Amino acid sequence: QGYGLTETSPVISVNEPSSNDPGSVGRAIQGVEVRIGKDEEL
């Protein structure tokens, strides 16, 4: 599973075969930073 938006072309994060948690959307791909902002917004 992965996660993204059209506004981010679209992939933000994705799971890896060797570290695959189906309950998550994995970690950010190369060059992408993520943080939790105000009101818990990603």
Full PDB file with SEQRES, HELIX, SHEET, SSBOND, CRYST1, ORIGX, SCALE, CONECT and MASTER records, all heavy atoms in Angstrom:
SEQRES   1 A   42  GLN GLY TYR GLY LEU THR GLU THR SER PRO VAL ILE SER          
SEQRES   2 A   42  VAL ASN GLU PRO SER SER ASN ASP PRO GLY SER VAL GLY          
SEQRES   3 A   42  ARG ALA ILE GLN GLY VAL GLU VAL ARG ILE GLY LYS ASP          
SEQRES   4 A   42  GLU GLU LEU                                                  
HELIX    1 AA1 THR A    6  THR A    8  5                                   3    
HELIX    2 AA2 LYS A   38  GLU A   40  5                                   3    
SHEET    1 AA1 2 GLY A   2  GLY A   4  0                                        
SHEET    2 AA1 2 VAL A  11  VAL A  14 -1                                        
CRYST1    1.000    1.000    1.000  90.00  90.00  90.00 P 1           1          
ORIGX1      1.000000  0.000000  0.000000        0.00000                         
ORIGX2      0.000000  1.000000  0.000000        0.00000                         
ORIGX3      0.000000  0.000000  1.000000        0.00000                         
SCALE1      1.000000  0.000000  0.000000        0.00000                         
SCALE2      0.000000  1.000000  0.000000        0.00000                         
SCALE3      0.000000  0.000000  1.000000        0.00000                         
ATOM      1  N   GLN A   1       0.837  -1.194   0.000  1.00  0.00           N  
ATOM      2  CA  GLN A   1       0.000   0.000   0.000  1.00  0.00           C  
ATOM      3  C   GLN A   1       0.869   1.240   0.000  1.00  0.00           C  
ATOM      4  O   GLN A   1       1.958   1.259   0.563  1.00  0.00           O  
ATOM      5  CB  GLN A   1      -0.907   0.021   1.229  1.00  0.00           C  
ATOM      6  CG  GLN A   1      -2.083  -0.924   1.153  1.00  0.00           C  
ATOM      7  CD  GLN A   1      -3.181  -0.504   2.109  1.00  0.00           C  
ATOM      8  OE1 GLN A   1      -3.970   0.388   1.810  1.00  0.00           O  
ATOM      9  NE2 GLN A   1      -3.238  -1.164   3.254  1.00  0.00           N  
ATOM     10  N   GLY A   2       0.373   2.280  -0.638  1.00  0.00           N  
ATOM     11  CA  GLY A   2       1.062   3.558  -0.643  1.00  0.00           C  
ATOM     12  C   GLY A   2       0.077   4.680  -0.382  1.00  0.00           C  
ATOM     13  O   GLY A   2      -1.124   4.454  -0.227  1.00  0.00           O  
ATOM     14  N   TYR A   3       0.610   5.891  -0.354  1.00  0.00           N  
ATOM     15  CA  TYR A   3      -0.224   7.063  -0.080  1.00  0.00           C  
ATOM     16  C   TYR A   3       0.287   8.237  -0.906  1.00  0.00           C  
ATOM     17  O   TYR A   3       1.499   8.376  -1.120  1.00  0.00           O  
ATOM     18  CB  TYR A   3      -0.168   7.395   1.414  1.00  0.00           C  
ATOM     19  CG  TYR A   3      -0.674   8.773   1.775  1.00  0.00           C  
ATOM     20  CD1 TYR A   3      -2.036   9.076   1.734  1.00  0.00           C  
ATOM     21  CD2 TYR A   3       0.215   9.775   2.143  1.00  0.00           C  
ATOM     22  CE1 TYR A   3      -2.495  10.348   2.061  1.00  0.00           C  
ATOM     23  CE2 TYR A   3      -0.242  11.057   2.478  1.00  0.00           C  
ATOM     24  CZ  TYR A   3      -1.593  11.329   2.430  1.00  0.00           C  
ATOM     25  OH  TYR A   3      -2.051  12.587   2.740  1.00  0.00           O  
ATOM     26  N   GLY A   4      -0.630   9.058  -1.368  1.00  0.00           N  
ATOM     27  CA  GLY A   4      -0.226  10.236  -2.109  1.00  0.00           C  
ATOM     28  C   GLY A   4      -1.423  11.066  -2.532  1.00  0.00           C  
ATOM     29  O   GLY A   4      -2.575  10.741  -2.227  1.00  0.00           O  
ATOM     30  N   LEU A   5      -1.132  12.135  -3.238  1.00  0.00           N  
ATOM     31  CA  LEU A   5      -2.155  13.060  -3.722  1.00  0.00           C  
ATOM     32  C   LEU A   5      -1.803  13.451  -5.160  1.00  0.00           C  
ATOM     33  O   LEU A   5      -0.624  13.422  -5.539  1.00  0.00           O  
ATOM     34  CB  LEU A   5      -2.176  14.344  -2.885  1.00  0.00           C  
ATOM     35  CG  LEU A   5      -2.264  14.248  -1.367  1.00  0.00           C  
ATOM     36  CD1 LEU A   5      -1.956  15.610  -0.759  1.00  0.00           C  
ATOM     37  CD2 LEU A   5      -3.647  13.786  -0.953  1.00  0.00           C  
ATOM     38  N   THR A   6      -2.792  13.836  -5.916  1.00  0.00           N  
ATOM     39  CA  THR A   6      -2.507  14.369  -7.246  1.00  0.00           C  
ATOM     40  C   THR A   6      -1.523  15.527  -7.110  1.00  0.00           C  
ATOM     41  O   THR A   6      -0.607  15.686  -7.928  1.00  0.00           O  
ATOM     42  CB  THR A   6      -3.809  14.857  -7.924  1.00  0.00           C  
ATOM     43  OG1 THR A   6      -4.725  13.766  -8.013  1.00  0.00           O  
ATOM     44  CG2 THR A   6      -3.545  15.399  -9.315  1.00  0.00           C  
ATOM     45  N   GLU A   7      -1.686  16.310  -6.046  1.00  0.00           N  
ATOM     46  CA  GLU A   7      -0.836  17.484  -5.819  1.00  0.00           C  
ATOM     47  C   GLU A   7       0.622  17.134  -5.525  1.00  0.00           C  
ATOM     48  O   GLU A   7       1.483  18.023  -5.511  1.00  0.00           O  
ATOM     49  CB  GLU A   7      -1.397  18.316  -4.651  1.00  0.00           C  
ATOM     50  CG  GLU A   7      -2.660  19.073  -4.964  1.00  0.00           C  
ATOM     51  CD  GLU A   7      -3.954  18.269  -4.791  1.00  0.00           C  
ATOM     52  OE1 GLU A   7      -3.875  17.021  -4.707  1.00  0.00           O  
ATOM     53  OE2 GLU A   7      -5.034  18.879  -4.748  1.00  0.00           O  
ATOM     54  N   THR A   8       0.906  15.837  -5.276  1.00  0.00           N  
ATOM     55  CA  THR A   8       2.297  15.427  -5.015  1.00  0.00           C  
ATOM     56  C   THR A   8       2.785  14.430  -6.069  1.00  0.00           C  
ATOM     57  O   THR A   8       3.723  13.683  -5.844  1.00  0.00           O  
ATOM     58  CB  THR A   8       2.435  14.815  -3.607  1.00  0.00           C  
ATOM     59  OG1 THR A   8       1.517  13.730  -3.453  1.00  0.00           O  
ATOM     60  CG2 THR A   8       2.177  15.855  -2.532  1.00  0.00           C  
ATOM     61  N   SER A   9       2.144  14.391  -7.183  1.00  0.00           N  
ATOM     62  CA  SER A   9       2.588  13.700  -8.426  1.00  0.00           C  
ATOM     63  C   SER A   9       2.593  12.172  -8.507  1.00  0.00           C  
ATOM     64  O   SER A   9       3.264  11.653  -9.387  1.00  0.00           O  
ATOM     65  CB  SER A   9       4.004  14.189  -8.791  1.00  0.00           C  
ATOM     66  OG  SER A   9       4.046  15.567  -8.901  1.00  0.00           O  
ATOM     67  N   PRO A  10       1.952  11.316  -7.827  1.00  0.00           N  
ATOM     68  CA  PRO A  10       1.174  11.532  -6.614  1.00  0.00           C  
ATOM     69  C   PRO A  10       1.808  10.905  -5.375  1.00  0.00           C  
ATOM     70  O   PRO A  10       1.329  11.111  -4.275  1.00  0.00           O  
ATOM     71  CB  PRO A  10      -0.118  10.787  -6.945  1.00  0.00           C  
ATOM     72  CG  PRO A  10       0.372   9.572  -7.681  1.00  0.00           C  
ATOM     73  CD  PRO A  10       1.626  10.017  -8.427  1.00  0.00           C  
ATOM     74  N   VAL A  11       2.874  10.092  -5.529  1.00  0.00           N  
ATOM     75  CA  VAL A  11       3.321   9.249  -4.412  1.00  0.00           C  
ATOM     76  C   VAL A  11       4.068  10.052  -3.347  1.00  0.00           C  
ATOM     77  O   VAL A  11       5.001  10.800  -3.655  1.00  0.00           O  
ATOM     78  CB  VAL A  11       4.230   8.093  -4.912  1.00  0.00           C  
ATOM     79  CG1 VAL A  11       4.580   7.152  -3.760  1.00  0.00           C  
ATOM     80  CG2 VAL A  11       3.550   7.323  -6.046  1.00  0.00           C  
ATOM     81  N   ILE A  12       3.641   9.878  -2.104  1.00  0.00           N  
ATOM     82  CA  ILE A  12       4.328  10.441  -0.947  1.00  0.00           C  
ATOM     83  C   ILE A  12       5.089   9.334  -0.224  1.00  0.00           C  
ATOM     84  O   ILE A  12       6.255   9.480   0.120  1.00  0.00           O  
ATOM     85  CB  ILE A  12       3.329  11.122   0.017  1.00  0.00           C  
ATOM     86  CG1 ILE A  12       2.730  12.373  -0.634  1.00  0.00           C  
ATOM     87  CG2 ILE A  12       3.991  11.451   1.355  1.00  0.00           C  
ATOM     88  CD1 ILE A  12       1.574  12.984   0.132  1.00  0.00           C  
ATOM     89  N   SER A  13       4.416   8.203  -0.033  1.00  0.00           N  
ATOM     90  CA  SER A  13       5.036   7.090   0.687  1.00  0.00           C  
ATOM     91  C   SER A  13       4.532   5.762   0.134  1.00  0.00           C  
ATOM     92  O   SER A  13       3.486   5.704  -0.515  1.00  0.00           O  
ATOM     93  CB  SER A  13       4.715   7.172   2.182  1.00  0.00           C  
ATOM     94  OG  SER A  13       3.319   6.985   2.395  1.00  0.00           O  
ATOM     95  N   VAL A  14       5.294   4.707   0.427  1.00  0.00           N  
ATOM     96  CA  VAL A  14       4.895   3.368   0.003  1.00  0.00           C  
ATOM     97  C   VAL A  14       5.617   2.345   0.883  1.00  0.00           C  
ATOM     98  O   VAL A  14       6.693   2.627   1.409  1.00  0.00           O  
ATOM     99  CB  VAL A  14       5.212   3.137  -1.504  1.00  0.00           C  
ATOM    100  CG1 VAL A  14       6.702   3.065  -1.755  1.00  0.00           C  
ATOM    101  CG2 VAL A  14       4.510   1.906  -2.039  1.00  0.00           C  
ATOM    102  N   ASN A  15       5.000   1.197   1.072  1.00  0.00           N  
ATOM    103  CA  ASN A  15       5.644   0.119   1.812  1.00  0.00           C  
ATOM    104  C   ASN A  15       6.706  -0.546   0.949  1.00  0.00           C  
ATOM    105  O   ASN A  15       6.671  -0.463  -0.288  1.00  0.00           O  
ATOM    106  CB  ASN A  15       4.612  -0.935   2.233  1.00  0.00           C  
ATOM    107  CG  ASN A  15       3.939  -0.582   3.547  1.00  0.00           C  
ATOM    108  OD1 ASN A  15       4.541  -0.696   4.612  1.00  0.00           O  
ATOM    109  ND2 ASN A  15       2.687  -0.140   3.475  1.00  0.00           N  
ATOM    110  N   GLU A  16       7.635  -1.219   1.575  1.00  0.00           N  
ATOM    111  CA  GLU A  16       8.662  -1.993   0.878  1.00  0.00           C  
ATOM    112  C   GLU A  16       8.386  -3.473   1.087  1.00  0.00           C  
ATOM    113  O   GLU A  16       7.857  -3.860   2.141  1.00  0.00           O  
ATOM    114  CB  GLU A  16      10.046  -1.667   1.429  1.00  0.00           C  
ATOM    115  CG  GLU A  16      10.456  -0.231   1.256  1.00  0.00           C  
ATOM    116  CD  GLU A  16      11.754   0.064   1.980  1.00  0.00           C  
ATOM    117  OE1 GLU A  16      12.820  -0.293   1.447  1.00  0.00           O  
ATOM    118  OE2 GLU A  16      11.703   0.642   3.076  1.00  0.00           O  
ATOM    119  N   PRO A  17       8.739  -4.328   0.138  1.00  0.00           N  
ATOM    120  CA  PRO A  17       8.504  -5.772   0.306  1.00  0.00           C  
ATOM    121  C   PRO A  17       9.127  -6.341   1.582  1.00  0.00           C  
ATOM    122  O   PRO A  17       8.528  -7.198   2.234  1.00  0.00           O  
ATOM    123  CB  PRO A  17       9.160  -6.379  -0.939  1.00  0.00           C  
ATOM    124  CG  PRO A  17       9.076  -5.300  -1.961  1.00  0.00           C  
ATOM    125  CD  PRO A  17       9.285  -4.024  -1.198  1.00  0.00           C  
ATOM    126  N   SER A  18      10.301  -5.841   1.953  1.00  0.00           N  
ATOM    127  CA  SER A  18      10.989  -6.384   3.136  1.00  0.00           C  
ATOM    128  C   SER A  18      10.495  -5.782   4.447  1.00  0.00           C  
ATOM    129  O   SER A  18      10.841  -6.257   5.519  1.00  0.00           O  
ATOM    130  CB  SER A  18      12.497  -6.130   3.005  1.00  0.00           C  
ATOM    131  OG  SER A  18      12.753  -4.741   2.914  1.00  0.00           O  
ATOM    132  N   SER A  19       9.696  -4.730   4.352  1.00  0.00           N  
ATOM    133  CA  SER A  19       9.145  -4.086   5.549  1.00  0.00           C  
ATOM    134  C   SER A  19       7.733  -3.623   5.234  1.00  0.00           C  
ATOM    135  O   SER A  19       7.449  -2.439   5.108  1.00  0.00           O  
ATOM    136  CB  SER A  19      10.031  -2.898   5.952  1.00  0.00           C  
ATOM    137  OG  SER A  19       9.523  -2.265   7.092  1.00  0.00           O  
ATOM    138  N   ASN A  20       6.846  -4.596   5.104  1.00  0.00           N  
ATOM    139  CA  ASN A  20       5.498  -4.347   4.609  1.00  0.00           C  
ATOM    140  C   ASN A  20       4.476  -4.452   5.737  1.00  0.00           C  
ATOM    141  O   ASN A  20       4.205  -5.548   6.242  1.00  0.00           O  
ATOM    142  CB  ASN A  20       5.179  -5.355   3.495  1.00  0.00           C  
ATOM    143  CG  ASN A  20       3.813  -5.111   2.875  1.00  0.00           C  
ATOM    144  OD1 ASN A  20       3.200  -4.056   3.066  1.00  0.00           O  
ATOM    145  ND2 ASN A  20       3.333  -6.086   2.125  1.00  0.00           N  
ATOM    146  N   ASP A  21       3.929  -3.326   6.112  1.00  0.00           N  
ATOM    147  CA  ASP A  21       2.871  -3.301   7.129  1.00  0.00           C  
ATOM    148  C   ASP A  21       1.568  -2.918   6.438  1.00  0.00           C  
ATOM    149  O   ASP A  21       1.359  -1.746   6.099  1.00  0.00           O  
ATOM    150  CB  ASP A  21       3.217  -2.295   8.225  1.00  0.00           C  
ATOM    151  CG  ASP A  21       2.129  -2.198   9.296  1.00  0.00           C  
ATOM    152  OD1 ASP A  21       1.131  -2.943   9.197  1.00  0.00           O  
ATOM    153  OD2 ASP A  21       2.282  -1.379  10.222  1.00  0.00           O  
ATOM    154  N   PRO A  22       0.671  -3.885   6.200  1.00  0.00           N  
ATOM    155  CA  PRO A  22      -0.570  -3.603   5.472  1.00  0.00           C  
ATOM    156  C   PRO A  22      -1.480  -2.586   6.168  1.00  0.00           C  
ATOM    157  O   PRO A  22      -2.393  -2.047   5.553  1.00  0.00           O  
ATOM    158  CB  PRO A  22      -1.263  -4.977   5.395  1.00  0.00           C  
ATOM    159  CG  PRO A  22      -0.169  -5.959   5.642  1.00  0.00           C  
ATOM    160  CD  PRO A  22       0.795  -5.302   6.565  1.00  0.00           C  
ATOM    161  N   GLY A  23      -1.211  -2.325   7.455  1.00  0.00           N  
ATOM    162  CA  GLY A  23      -2.000  -1.333   8.181  1.00  0.00           C  
ATOM    163  C   GLY A  23      -1.419   0.063   8.076  1.00  0.00           C  
ATOM    164  O   GLY A  23      -1.912   1.001   8.694  1.00  0.00           O  
ATOM    165  N   SER A  24      -0.361   0.218   7.267  1.00  0.00           N  
ATOM    166  CA  SER A  24       0.280   1.521   7.114  1.00  0.00           C  
ATOM    167  C   SER A  24       0.454   1.838   5.633  1.00  0.00           C  
ATOM    168  O   SER A  24       0.152   1.012   4.776  1.00  0.00           O  
ATOM    169  CB  SER A  24       1.659   1.510   7.794  1.00  0.00           C  
ATOM    170  OG  SER A  24       2.625   0.928   6.935  1.00  0.00           O  
ATOM    171  N   VAL A  25       0.974   3.032   5.372  1.00  0.00           N  
ATOM    172  CA  VAL A  25       1.248   3.426   3.985  1.00  0.00           C  
ATOM    173  C   VAL A  25       2.751   3.531   3.745  1.00  0.00           C  
ATOM    174  O   VAL A  25       3.202   4.141   2.778  1.00  0.00           O  
ATOM    175  CB  VAL A  25       0.545   4.756   3.617  1.00  0.00           C  
ATOM    176  CG1 VAL A  25      -0.959   4.565   3.569  1.00  0.00           C  
ATOM    177  CG2 VAL A  25       0.926   5.870   4.594  1.00  0.00           C  
ATOM    178  N   GLY A  26       3.541   2.913   4.637  1.00  0.00           N  
ATOM    179  CA  GLY A  26       4.985   2.846   4.434  1.00  0.00           C  
ATOM    180  C   GLY A  26       5.693   4.128   4.811  1.00  0.00           C  
ATOM    181  O   GLY A  26       5.181   4.961   5.551  1.00  0.00           O  
ATOM    182  N   ARG A  27       6.900   4.275   4.268  1.00  0.00           N  
ATOM    183  CA  ARG A  27       7.686   5.474   4.571  1.00  0.00           C  
ATOM    184  C   ARG A  27       7.829   6.343   3.325  1.00  0.00           C  
ATOM    185  O   ARG A  27       7.610   5.887   2.197  1.00  0.00           O  
ATOM    186  CB  ARG A  27       9.053   5.093   5.139  1.00  0.00           C  
ATOM    187  CG  ARG A  27       9.958   4.316   4.217  1.00  0.00           C  
ATOM    188  CD  ARG A  27      11.245   3.925   4.933  1.00  0.00           C  
ATOM    189  NE  ARG A  27      12.133   3.149   4.062  1.00  0.00           N  
ATOM    190  CZ  ARG A  27      13.046   3.684   3.261  1.00  0.00           C  
ATOM    191  NH1 ARG A  27      13.194   4.990   3.213  1.00  0.00           N  
ATOM    192  NH2 ARG A  27      13.813   2.913   2.500  1.00  0.00           N  
ATOM    193  N   ALA A  28       8.204   7.584   3.551  1.00  0.00           N  
ATOM    194  CA  ALA A  28       8.306   8.558   2.464  1.00  0.00           C  
ATOM    195  C   ALA A  28       9.351   8.135   1.445  1.00  0.00           C  
ATOM    196  O   ALA A  28      10.397   7.594   1.801  1.00  0.00           O  
ATOM    197  CB  ALA A  28       8.647   9.931   3.031  1.00  0.00           C  
ATOM    198  N   ILE A  29       9.046   8.378   0.180  1.00  0.00           N  
ATOM    199  CA  ILE A  29       9.995   8.025  -0.884  1.00  0.00           C  
ATOM    200  C   ILE A  29      11.160   9.014  -0.895  1.00  0.00           C  
ATOM    201  O   ILE A  29      11.130  10.056  -0.229  1.00  0.00           O  
ATOM    202  CB  ILE A  29       9.312   7.975  -2.269  1.00  0.00           C  
ATOM    203  CG1 ILE A  29       8.812   9.367  -2.694  1.00  0.00           C  
ATOM    204  CG2 ILE A  29       8.206   6.953  -2.298  1.00  0.00           C  
ATOM    205  CD1 ILE A  29       8.373   9.455  -4.140  1.00  0.00           C  
ATOM    206  N   GLN A  30      12.172   8.690  -1.679  1.00  0.00           N  
ATOM    207  CA  GLN A  30      13.402   9.479  -1.762  1.00  0.00           C  
ATOM    208  C   GLN A  30      13.124  10.954  -2.044  1.00  0.00           C  
ATOM    209  O   GLN A  30      12.397  11.300  -2.968  1.00  0.00           O  
ATOM    210  CB  GLN A  30      14.265   8.897  -2.882  1.00  0.00           C  
ATOM    211  CG  GLN A  30      15.576   9.613  -3.122  1.00  0.00           C  
ATOM    212  CD  GLN A  30      16.359   8.958  -4.253  1.00  0.00           C  
ATOM    213  OE1 GLN A  30      16.728   7.797  -4.172  1.00  0.00           O  
ATOM    214  NE2 GLN A  30      16.578   9.688  -5.328  1.00  0.00           N  
ATOM    215  N   GLY A  31      13.719  11.820  -1.223  1.00  0.00           N  
ATOM    216  CA  GLY A  31      13.612  13.255  -1.439  1.00  0.00           C  
ATOM    217  C   GLY A  31      12.393  13.906  -0.825  1.00  0.00           C  
ATOM    218  O   GLY A  31      12.244  15.133  -0.871  1.00  0.00           O  
ATOM    219  N   VAL A  32      11.491  13.106  -0.233  1.00  0.00           N  
ATOM    220  CA  VAL A  32      10.245  13.645   0.325  1.00  0.00           C  
ATOM    221  C   VAL A  32      10.341  13.723   1.844  1.00  0.00           C  
ATOM    222  O   VAL A  32      10.708  12.755   2.509  1.00  0.00           O  
ATOM    223  CB  VAL A  32       9.035  12.776  -0.092  1.00  0.00           C  
ATOM    224  CG1 VAL A  32       7.771  13.237   0.613  1.00  0.00           C  
ATOM    225  CG2 VAL A  32       8.845  12.826  -1.607  1.00  0.00           C  
ATOM    226  N   GLU A  33      10.006  14.893   2.376  1.00  0.00           N  
ATOM    227  CA  GLU A  33       9.950  15.082   3.833  1.00  0.00           C  
ATOM    228  C   GLU A  33       8.491  15.149   4.259  1.00  0.00           C  
ATOM    229  O   GLU A  33       7.650  15.707   3.539  1.00  0.00           O  
ATOM    230  CB  GLU A  33      10.629  16.391   4.239  1.00  0.00           C  
ATOM    231  CG  GLU A  33      12.105  16.503   3.929  1.00  0.00           C  
ATOM    232  CD  GLU A  33      12.629  17.880   4.288  1.00  0.00           C  
ATOM    233  OE1 GLU A  33      12.731  18.180   5.507  1.00  0.00           O  
ATOM    234  OE2 GLU A  33      12.905  18.658   3.371  1.00  0.00           O  
ATOM    235  N   VAL A  34       8.195  14.591   5.420  1.00  0.00           N  
ATOM    236  CA  VAL A  34       6.834  14.671   5.972  1.00  0.00           C  
ATOM    237  C   VAL A  34       6.917  15.132   7.422  1.00  0.00           C  
ATOM    238  O   VAL A  34       7.899  14.865   8.114  1.00  0.00           O  
ATOM    239  CB  VAL A  34       6.091  13.315   5.895  1.00  0.00           C  
ATOM    240  CG1 VAL A  34       5.799  12.937   4.464  1.00  0.00           C  
ATOM    241  CG2 VAL A  34       6.873  12.213   6.583  1.00  0.00           C  
ATOM    242  N   ARG A  35       5.890  15.824   7.855  1.00  0.00           N  
ATOM    243  CA  ARG A  35       5.804  16.250   9.257  1.00  0.00           C  
ATOM    244  C   ARG A  35       4.344  16.421   9.639  1.00  0.00           C  
ATOM    245  O   ARG A  35       3.470  16.534   8.771  1.00  0.00           O  
ATOM    246  CB  ARG A  35       6.582  17.550   9.479  1.00  0.00           C  
ATOM    247  CG  ARG A  35       5.906  18.779   8.890  1.00  0.00           C  
ATOM    248  CD  ARG A  35       6.715  20.047   9.135  1.00  0.00           C  
ATOM    249  NE  ARG A  35       5.966  21.231   8.695  1.00  0.00           N  
ATOM    250  CZ  ARG A  35       6.460  22.460   8.678  1.00  0.00           C  
ATOM    251  NH1 ARG A  35       7.726  22.671   9.057  1.00  0.00           N  
ATOM    252  NH2 ARG A  35       5.712  23.487   8.277  1.00  0.00           N  
ATOM    253  N   ILE A  36       4.093  16.443  10.932  1.00  0.00           N  
ATOM    254  CA  ILE A  36       2.740  16.692  11.443  1.00  0.00           C  
ATOM    255  C   ILE A  36       2.660  18.160  11.826  1.00  0.00           C  
ATOM    256  O   ILE A  36       3.429  18.651  12.655  1.00  0.00           O  
ATOM    257  CB  ILE A  36       2.418  15.801  12.663  1.00  0.00           C  
ATOM    258  CG1 ILE A  36       2.589  14.323  12.313  1.00  0.00           C  
ATOM    259  CG2 ILE A  36       1.007  16.090  13.168  1.00  0.00           C  
ATOM    260  CD1 ILE A  36       1.649  13.824  11.237  1.00  0.00           C  
ATOM    261  N   GLY A  37       1.743  18.882  11.209  1.00  0.00           N  
ATOM    262  CA  GLY A  37       1.590  20.306  11.466  1.00  0.00           C  
ATOM    263  C   GLY A  37       0.494  20.591  12.467  1.00  0.00           C  
ATOM    264  O   GLY A  37       0.115  19.730  13.278  1.00  0.00           O  
ATOM    265  N   LYS A  38      -0.041  21.786  12.372  1.00  0.00           N  
ATOM    266  CA  LYS A  38      -1.135  22.170  13.279  1.00  0.00           C  
ATOM    267  C   LYS A  38      -2.363  21.310  13.026  1.00  0.00           C  
ATOM    268  O   LYS A  38      -2.621  20.885  11.896  1.00  0.00           O  
ATOM    269  CB  LYS A  38      -1.485  23.644  13.063  1.00  0.00           C  
ATOM    270  CG  LYS A  38      -0.457  24.601  13.696  1.00  0.00           C  
ATOM    271  CD  LYS A  38      -0.976  26.029  13.717  1.00  0.00           C  
ATOM    272  CE  LYS A  38      -0.928  26.643  12.332  1.00  0.00           C  
ATOM    273  NZ  LYS A  38      -1.304  28.083  12.364  1.00  0.00           N  
ATOM    274  N   ASP A  39      -3.128  21.070  14.084  1.00  0.00           N  
ATOM    275  CA  ASP A  39      -4.354  20.260  13.999  1.00  0.00           C  
ATOM    276  C   ASP A  39      -4.081  18.858  13.475  1.00  0.00           C  
ATOM    277  O   ASP A  39      -4.938  18.250  12.815  1.00  0.00           O  
ATOM    278  CB  ASP A  39      -5.404  20.948  13.119  1.00  0.00           C  
ATOM    279  CG  ASP A  39      -5.761  22.344  13.615  1.00  0.00           C  
ATOM    280  OD1 ASP A  39      -5.884  22.506  14.850  1.00  0.00           O  
ATOM    281  OD2 ASP A  39      -5.900  23.246  12.782  1.00  0.00           O  
ATOM    282  N   GLU A  40      -2.860  18.350  13.748  1.00  0.00           N  
ATOM    283  CA  GLU A  40      -2.490  16.977  13.377  1.00  0.00           C  
ATOM    284  C   GLU A  40      -2.515  16.732  11.869  1.00  0.00           C  
ATOM    285  O   GLU A  40      -2.665  15.604  11.413  1.00  0.00           O  
ATOM    286  CB  GLU A  40      -3.426  15.955  14.078  1.00  0.00           C  
ATOM    287  CG  GLU A  40      -3.400  15.992  15.585  1.00  0.00           C  
ATOM    288  CD  GLU A  40      -2.041  15.576  16.152  1.00  0.00           C  
ATOM    289  OE1 GLU A  40      -1.640  14.444  15.928  1.00  0.00           O  
ATOM    290  OE2 GLU A  40      -1.392  16.424  16.812  1.00  0.00           O  
ATOM    291  N   GLU A  41      -2.381  17.789  11.087  1.00  0.00           N  
ATOM    292  CA  GLU A  41      -2.412  17.641   9.627  1.00  0.00           C  
ATOM    293  C   GLU A  41      -1.042  17.215   9.105  1.00  0.00           C  
ATOM    294  O   GLU A  41      -0.008  17.712   9.531  1.00  0.00           O  
ATOM    295  CB  GLU A  41      -2.809  18.963   8.969  1.00  0.00           C  
ATOM    296  CG  GLU A  41      -2.918  18.872   7.444  1.00  0.00           C  
ATOM    297  CD  GLU A  41      -3.238  20.209   6.796  1.00  0.00           C  
ATOM    298  OE1 GLU A  41      -3.001  21.254   7.431  1.00  0.00           O  
ATOM    299  OE2 GLU A  41      -3.701  20.201   5.634  1.00  0.00           O  
ATOM    300  N   LEU A  42      -1.071  16.265   8.155  1.00  0.00           N  
ATOM    301  CA  LEU A  42       0.164  15.822   7.523  1.00  0.00           C  
ATOM    302  C   LEU A  42       0.601  16.859   6.493  1.00  0.00           C  
ATOM    303  O   LEU A  42      -0.182  17.259   5.635  1.00  0.00           O  
ATOM    304  CB  LEU A  42      -0.038  14.463   6.851  1.00  0.00           C  
ATOM    305  CG  LEU A  42       1.203  13.852   6.180  1.00  0.00           C  
ATOM    306  CD1 LEU A  42       2.226  13.433   7.234  1.00  0.00           C  
ATOM    307  CD2 LEU A  42       0.817  12.659   5.324  1.00  0.00           C  
TER     308      LEU A  42                                                      
MASTER        0    0    0    2    2    0    0    6  307    1    0    4          
END                                                                             
